[in-house]
Amino acid sequence: MRRRTFDCLVGGAGLVLVAVLFVAGGLLTWGHTYIHHEVHTQLAAQKIIFPAANSAAVAGPEFAAMRQYGGQQLTTGAQAEVYADHFIANHLKTIGGGKTYAQLSTEAQTQPNNTKLAAQVNKMFQGETLRGLLLNAYAFGTIGTIAGIAAVVAFAAGGVLLVLSALGLYHARRVHPNDEMMFT
């Protein structure tokens, strides 16, 4: 195979890959932007405010992670994870006496006239539901962050490949038309 033909084939294939990487980078950027916008919009609509860092509501050591967001509105996936796992989860442990919603619900089914237990089950259900929704927001926020990182990697790889393809095509123009590939 002639060297010029090889350089043109490799350079052309590289340009096709550049196009694919740039399209992927664009789609990943769109996904990143869309997800973060939706997570922010949905969480902001809930109007959840973190307790002040020096408030009694977050005084114990189990609430330490909460203090970094003291007084802020919950609007990001990372904040949602902290609120769910370090505020709601700690309150649910207290409300349920260390038992989960499923355990208390099973217990309540055997005691249908126990109104105190029924109220406890209801609070646990509400808390677990809110916690689950916030953790879903965290998961989607994390997916959006990963999409943003992948977009940067795709654009960077596309840029490097563009330069390499251009150099390969430039080399193809400089090589004598009759030069052959030398395989050892």
C-alpha atoms as a PDB file:
ATOM      1  CA  MET A   1       0.000   0.000   0.000  1.00  0.00           C
ATOM      2  CA  ARG A   2       1.244   3.442  -0.800  1.00  0.00           C
ATOM      3  CA  ARG A   3       2.120   5.702   2.091  1.00  0.00           C
ATOM      4  CA  ARG A   4      -0.031   8.549   0.747  1.00  0.00           C
ATOM      5  CA  THR A   5      -3.094   6.251   0.501  1.00  0.00           C
ATOM      6  CA  PHE A   6      -2.542   5.012   4.051  1.00  0.00           C
ATOM      7  CA  ASP A   7      -2.167   8.557   5.442  1.00  0.00           C
ATOM      8  CA  CYS A   8      -5.358   9.678   3.663  1.00  0.00           C
ATOM      9  CA  LEU A   9      -7.337   6.675   4.929  1.00  0.00           C
ATOM     10  CA  VAL A  10      -6.175   7.099   8.517  1.00  0.00           C
ATOM     11  CA  GLY A  11      -6.611  10.894   8.406  1.00  0.00           C
ATOM     12  CA  GLY A  12     -10.103  10.547   6.914  1.00  0.00           C
ATOM     13  CA  ALA A  13     -11.127   7.923   9.498  1.00  0.00           C
ATOM     14  CA  GLY A  14      -9.795  10.263  12.190  1.00  0.00           C
ATOM     15  CA  LEU A  15     -11.952  13.115  10.882  1.00  0.00           C
ATOM     16  CA  VAL A  16     -15.030  10.868  10.997  1.00  0.00           C
ATOM     17  CA  LEU A  17     -14.205  10.031  14.622  1.00  0.00           C
ATOM     18  CA  VAL A  18     -13.723  13.738  15.338  1.00  0.00           C
ATOM     19  CA  ALA A  19     -17.248  14.396  14.066  1.00  0.00           C
ATOM     20  CA  VAL A  20     -18.638  11.565  16.199  1.00  0.00           C
ATOM     21  CA  LEU A  21     -16.817  12.840  19.305  1.00  0.00           C
ATOM     22  CA  PHE A  22     -17.997  16.417  18.777  1.00  0.00           C
ATOM     23  CA  VAL A  23     -21.618  15.294  18.290  1.00  0.00           C
ATOM     24  CA  ALA A  24     -21.343  13.108  21.412  1.00  0.00           C
ATOM     25  CA  GLY A  25     -19.828  16.032  23.322  1.00  0.00           C
ATOM     26  CA  GLY A  26     -22.687  18.264  22.228  1.00  0.00           C
ATOM     27  CA  LEU A  27     -25.324  15.740  23.263  1.00  0.00           C
ATOM     28  CA  LEU A  28     -23.608  15.135  26.597  1.00  0.00           C
ATOM     29  CA  THR A  29     -23.425  18.884  27.212  1.00  0.00           C
ATOM     30  CA  TRP A  30     -27.136  19.160  26.451  1.00  0.00           C
ATOM     31  CA  GLY A  31     -27.863  16.266  28.841  1.00  0.00           C
ATOM     32  CA  HIS A  32     -25.731  17.840  31.559  1.00  0.00           C
ATOM     33  CA  THR A  33     -27.434  21.213  31.200  1.00  0.00           C
ATOM     34  CA  TYR A  34     -30.941  19.757  30.993  1.00  0.00           C
ATOM     35  CA  ILE A  35     -30.535  17.486  34.017  1.00  0.00           C
ATOM     36  CA  HIS A  36     -29.012  20.169  36.224  1.00  0.00           C
ATOM     37  CA  HIS A  37     -31.719  22.646  35.211  1.00  0.00           C
ATOM     38  CA  GLU A  38     -34.481  20.149  35.987  1.00  0.00           C
ATOM     39  CA  VAL A  39     -32.973  19.089  39.312  1.00  0.00           C
ATOM     40  CA  HIS A  40     -32.524  22.730  40.325  1.00  0.00           C
ATOM     41  CA  THR A  41     -36.030  23.718  39.215  1.00  0.00           C
ATOM     42  CA  GLN A  42     -37.749  20.806  40.922  1.00  0.00           C
ATOM     43  CA  LEU A  43     -35.827  21.183  44.176  1.00  0.00           C
ATOM     44  CA  ALA A  44     -36.193  24.974  44.286  1.00  0.00           C
ATOM     45  CA  ALA A  45     -39.963  24.566  43.917  1.00  0.00           C
ATOM     46  CA  GLN A  46     -40.003  22.599  47.188  1.00  0.00           C
ATOM     47  CA  LYS A  47     -38.615  25.621  49.075  1.00  0.00           C
ATOM     48  CA  ILE A  48     -36.614  23.505  51.521  1.00  0.00           C
ATOM     49  CA  ILE A  49     -34.234  25.605  53.600  1.00  0.00           C
ATOM     50  CA  PHE A  50     -31.385  24.083  55.578  1.00  0.00           C
ATOM     51  CA  PRO A  51     -31.474  24.962  59.286  1.00  0.00           C
ATOM     52  CA  ALA A  52     -28.914  27.577  60.301  1.00  0.00           C
ATOM     53  CA  ALA A  53     -25.517  26.039  61.035  1.00  0.00           C
ATOM     54  CA  ASN A  54     -25.731  27.106  64.689  1.00  0.00           C
ATOM     55  CA  SER A  55     -29.360  26.029  65.194  1.00  0.00           C
ATOM     56  CA  ALA A  56     -30.439  23.414  67.732  1.00  0.00           C
ATOM     57  CA  ALA A  57     -31.952  21.382  64.869  1.00  0.00           C
ATOM     58  CA  VAL A  58     -28.452  20.416  63.692  1.00  0.00           C
ATOM     59  CA  ALA A  59     -26.556  20.541  66.984  1.00  0.00           C
ATOM     60  CA  GLY A  60     -25.669  16.851  67.310  1.00  0.00           C
ATOM     61  CA  PRO A  61     -22.633  15.239  65.703  1.00  0.00           C
ATOM     62  CA  GLU A  62     -24.908  13.183  63.432  1.00  0.00           C
ATOM     63  CA  PHE A  63     -25.911  16.456  61.726  1.00  0.00           C
ATOM     64  CA  ALA A  64     -22.346  17.680  61.052  1.00  0.00           C
ATOM     65  CA  ALA A  65     -22.692  17.358  57.268  1.00  0.00           C
ATOM     66  CA  MET A  66     -25.735  19.643  57.353  1.00  0.00           C
ATOM     67  CA  ARG A  67     -23.886  22.631  58.762  1.00  0.00           C
ATOM     68  CA  GLN A  68     -22.001  23.411  55.531  1.00  0.00           C
ATOM     69  CA  TYR A  69     -25.321  24.388  53.922  1.00  0.00           C
ATOM     70  CA  GLY A  70     -26.718  26.256  56.959  1.00  0.00           C
ATOM     71  CA  GLY A  71     -29.468  28.704  55.953  1.00  0.00           C
ATOM     72  CA  GLN A  72     -29.240  27.869  52.212  1.00  0.00           C
ATOM     73  CA  GLN A  73     -32.092  26.765  50.006  1.00  0.00           C
ATOM     74  CA  LEU A  74     -31.849  23.156  48.821  1.00  0.00           C
ATOM     75  CA  THR A  75     -31.333  23.365  45.031  1.00  0.00           C
ATOM     76  CA  THR A  76     -28.681  20.800  44.048  1.00  0.00           C
ATOM     77  CA  GLY A  77     -28.395  17.040  44.006  1.00  0.00           C
ATOM     78  CA  ALA A  78     -25.477  17.120  46.446  1.00  0.00           C
ATOM     79  CA  GLN A  79     -27.536  19.174  48.897  1.00  0.00           C
ATOM     80  CA  ALA A  80     -30.466  16.769  48.458  1.00  0.00           C
ATOM     81  CA  GLU A  81     -28.251  13.833  49.393  1.00  0.00           C
ATOM     82  CA  VAL A  82     -26.995  15.570  52.539  1.00  0.00           C
ATOM     83  CA  TYR A  83     -30.516  16.596  53.588  1.00  0.00           C
ATOM     84  CA  ALA A  84     -31.877  13.085  52.959  1.00  0.00           C
ATOM     85  CA  ASP A  85     -29.062  11.124  54.589  1.00  0.00           C
ATOM     86  CA  HIS A  86     -28.056  13.482  57.417  1.00  0.00           C
ATOM     87  CA  PHE A  87     -31.292  15.202  58.388  1.00  0.00           C
ATOM     88  CA  ILE A  88     -34.336  13.167  57.414  1.00  0.00           C
ATOM     89  CA  ALA A  89     -32.653   9.793  58.037  1.00  0.00           C
ATOM     90  CA  ASN A  90     -31.578  10.877  61.530  1.00  0.00           C
ATOM     91  CA  HIS A  91     -35.094  12.064  62.365  1.00  0.00           C
ATOM     92  CA  LEU A  92     -36.570   8.833  61.019  1.00  0.00           C
ATOM     93  CA  LYS A  93     -34.323   6.837  63.351  1.00  0.00           C
ATOM     94  CA  THR A  94     -35.756   8.817  66.260  1.00  0.00           C
ATOM     95  CA  ILE A  95     -39.369   8.633  65.073  1.00  0.00           C
ATOM     96  CA  GLY A  96     -39.176   4.909  64.355  1.00  0.00           C
ATOM     97  CA  GLY A  97     -37.139   4.039  67.419  1.00  0.00           C
ATOM     98  CA  GLY A  98     -34.533   2.487  65.129  1.00  0.00           C
ATOM     99  CA  LYS A  99     -37.134   0.517  63.168  1.00  0.00           C
ATOM    100  CA  THR A 100     -37.816   1.016  59.476  1.00  0.00           C
ATOM    101  CA  TYR A 101     -41.140   1.905  57.892  1.00  0.00           C
ATOM    102  CA  ALA A 102     -41.535  -1.693  56.726  1.00  0.00           C
ATOM    103  CA  GLN A 103     -40.994  -3.068  60.230  1.00  0.00           C
ATOM    104  CA  LEU A 104     -43.422  -0.606  61.816  1.00  0.00           C
ATOM    105  CA  SER A 105     -46.005  -1.140  59.095  1.00  0.00           C
ATOM    106  CA  THR A 106     -45.893  -4.895  59.636  1.00  0.00           C
ATOM    107  CA  GLU A 107     -46.279  -4.312  63.349  1.00  0.00           C
ATOM    108  CA  ALA A 108     -49.222  -1.942  62.769  1.00  0.00           C
ATOM    109  CA  GLN A 109     -51.009  -4.554  60.694  1.00  0.00           C
ATOM    110  CA  THR A 110     -51.066  -6.845  63.717  1.00  0.00           C
ATOM    111  CA  GLN A 111     -52.399  -3.988  65.900  1.00  0.00           C
ATOM    112  CA  PRO A 112     -55.062  -2.255  63.779  1.00  0.00           C
ATOM    113  CA  ASN A 113     -56.514  -0.342  66.769  1.00  0.00           C
ATOM    114  CA  ASN A 114     -53.202   1.166  67.901  1.00  0.00           C
ATOM    115  CA  THR A 115     -53.595   4.802  66.752  1.00  0.00           C
ATOM    116  CA  LYS A 116     -50.221   5.869  68.146  1.00  0.00           C
ATOM    117  CA  LEU A 117     -48.468   3.198  66.088  1.00  0.00           C
ATOM    118  CA  ALA A 118     -50.556   4.125  63.017  1.00  0.00           C
ATOM    119  CA  ALA A 119     -49.470   7.774  63.376  1.00  0.00           C
ATOM    120  CA  GLN A 120     -45.846   6.665  63.744  1.00  0.00           C
ATOM    121  CA  VAL A 121     -46.155   4.547  60.583  1.00  0.00           C
ATOM    122  CA  ASN A 122     -47.670   7.521  58.730  1.00  0.00           C
ATOM    123  CA  LYS A 123     -44.778   9.817  59.749  1.00  0.00           C
ATOM    124  CA  MET A 124     -42.263   7.163  58.740  1.00  0.00           C
ATOM    125  CA  PHE A 125     -43.977   6.753  55.359  1.00  0.00           C
ATOM    126  CA  GLN A 126     -43.929  10.497  54.708  1.00  0.00           C
ATOM    127  CA  GLY A 127     -40.293  10.808  55.786  1.00  0.00           C
ATOM    128  CA  GLU A 128     -39.139   7.816  53.747  1.00  0.00           C
ATOM    129  CA  THR A 129     -41.022   9.113  50.709  1.00  0.00           C
ATOM    130  CA  LEU A 130     -39.410  12.553  50.913  1.00  0.00           C
ATOM    131  CA  ARG A 131     -36.023  10.970  51.559  1.00  0.00           C
ATOM    132  CA  GLY A 132     -36.420   8.719  48.522  1.00  0.00           C
ATOM    133  CA  LEU A 133     -37.425  11.621  46.294  1.00  0.00           C
ATOM    134  CA  LEU A 134     -34.441  13.672  47.432  1.00  0.00           C
ATOM    135  CA  LEU A 135     -32.090  10.752  46.827  1.00  0.00           C
ATOM    136  CA  ASN A 136     -33.520  10.415  43.307  1.00  0.00           C
ATOM    137  CA  ALA A 137     -32.714  14.083  42.732  1.00  0.00           C
ATOM    138  CA  TYR A 138     -29.189  13.370  43.983  1.00  0.00           C
ATOM    139  CA  ALA A 139     -28.866  10.419  41.596  1.00  0.00           C
ATOM    140  CA  PHE A 140     -30.020  12.462  38.614  1.00  0.00           C
ATOM    141  CA  GLY A 141     -27.742  15.328  39.620  1.00  0.00           C
ATOM    142  CA  THR A 142     -24.836  12.884  39.706  1.00  0.00           C
ATOM    143  CA  ILE A 143     -25.770  11.577  36.249  1.00  0.00           C
ATOM    144  CA  GLY A 144     -25.785  15.174  35.009  1.00  0.00           C
ATOM    145  CA  THR A 145     -22.341  15.773  36.487  1.00  0.00           C
ATOM    146  CA  ILE A 146     -21.003  12.609  34.860  1.00  0.00           C
ATOM    147  CA  ALA A 147     -22.496  13.709  31.527  1.00  0.00           C
ATOM    148  CA  GLY A 148     -20.702  17.056  31.885  1.00  0.00           C
ATOM    149  CA  ILE A 149     -17.376  15.344  32.574  1.00  0.00           C
ATOM    150  CA  ALA A 150     -17.908  12.980  29.645  1.00  0.00           C
ATOM    151  CA  ALA A 151     -18.670  15.984  27.401  1.00  0.00           C
ATOM    152  CA  VAL A 152     -15.364  17.627  28.311  1.00  0.00           C
ATOM    153  CA  VAL A 153     -13.512  14.355  27.658  1.00  0.00           C
ATOM    154  CA  ALA A 154     -15.280  13.917  24.289  1.00  0.00           C
ATOM    155  CA  PHE A 155     -14.449  17.476  23.199  1.00  0.00           C
ATOM    156  CA  ALA A 156     -10.826  17.128  24.344  1.00  0.00           C
ATOM    157  CA  ALA A 157     -10.399  13.775  22.609  1.00  0.00           C
ATOM    158  CA  GLY A 158     -12.037  15.211  19.487  1.00  0.00           C
ATOM    159  CA  GLY A 159      -9.648  18.174  19.555  1.00  0.00           C
ATOM    160  CA  VAL A 160      -6.574  15.960  19.909  1.00  0.00           C
ATOM    161  CA  LEU A 161      -7.811  13.658  17.165  1.00  0.00           C
ATOM    162  CA  LEU A 162      -8.518  16.648  14.920  1.00  0.00           C
ATOM    163  CA  VAL A 163      -4.920  17.814  15.267  1.00  0.00           C
ATOM    164  CA  LEU A 164      -3.567  14.307  14.656  1.00  0.00           C
ATOM    165  CA  SER A 165      -5.800  13.810  11.609  1.00  0.00           C
ATOM    166  CA  ALA A 166      -4.770  17.164  10.179  1.00  0.00           C
ATOM    167  CA  LEU A 167      -1.110  16.254  10.682  1.00  0.00           C
ATOM    168  CA  GLY A 168      -1.700  12.901   8.971  1.00  0.00           C
ATOM    169  CA  LEU A 169      -3.366  14.572   5.985  1.00  0.00           C
ATOM    170  CA  TYR A 170      -0.594  17.160   5.865  1.00  0.00           C
ATOM    171  CA  HIS A 171       1.938  14.335   5.855  1.00  0.00           C
ATOM    172  CA  ALA A 172       0.058  12.648   2.999  1.00  0.00           C
ATOM    173  CA  ARG A 173       0.565  15.769   0.860  1.00  0.00           C
ATOM    174  CA  ARG A 174       4.295  15.859   1.601  1.00  0.00           C
ATOM    175  CA  VAL A 175       5.014  12.190   0.844  1.00  0.00           C
ATOM    176  CA  HIS A 176       6.136  11.254  -2.632  1.00  0.00           C
ATOM    177  CA  PRO A 177       3.204   9.639  -4.523  1.00  0.00           C
ATOM    178  CA  ASN A 178       5.153   6.429  -5.180  1.00  0.00           C
ATOM    179  CA  ASP A 179       6.450   5.828  -1.617  1.00  0.00           C
ATOM    180  CA  GLU A 180       5.328   2.457  -0.283  1.00  0.00           C
ATOM    181  CA  MET A 181       4.504   1.479   3.307  1.00  0.00           C
ATOM    182  CA  MET A 182       7.305  -0.365   4.958  1.00  0.00           C
ATOM    183  CA  PHE A 183       6.087  -3.159   7.233  1.00  0.00           C
ATOM    184  CA  THR A 184       8.641  -5.054   9.241  1.00  0.00           C
END
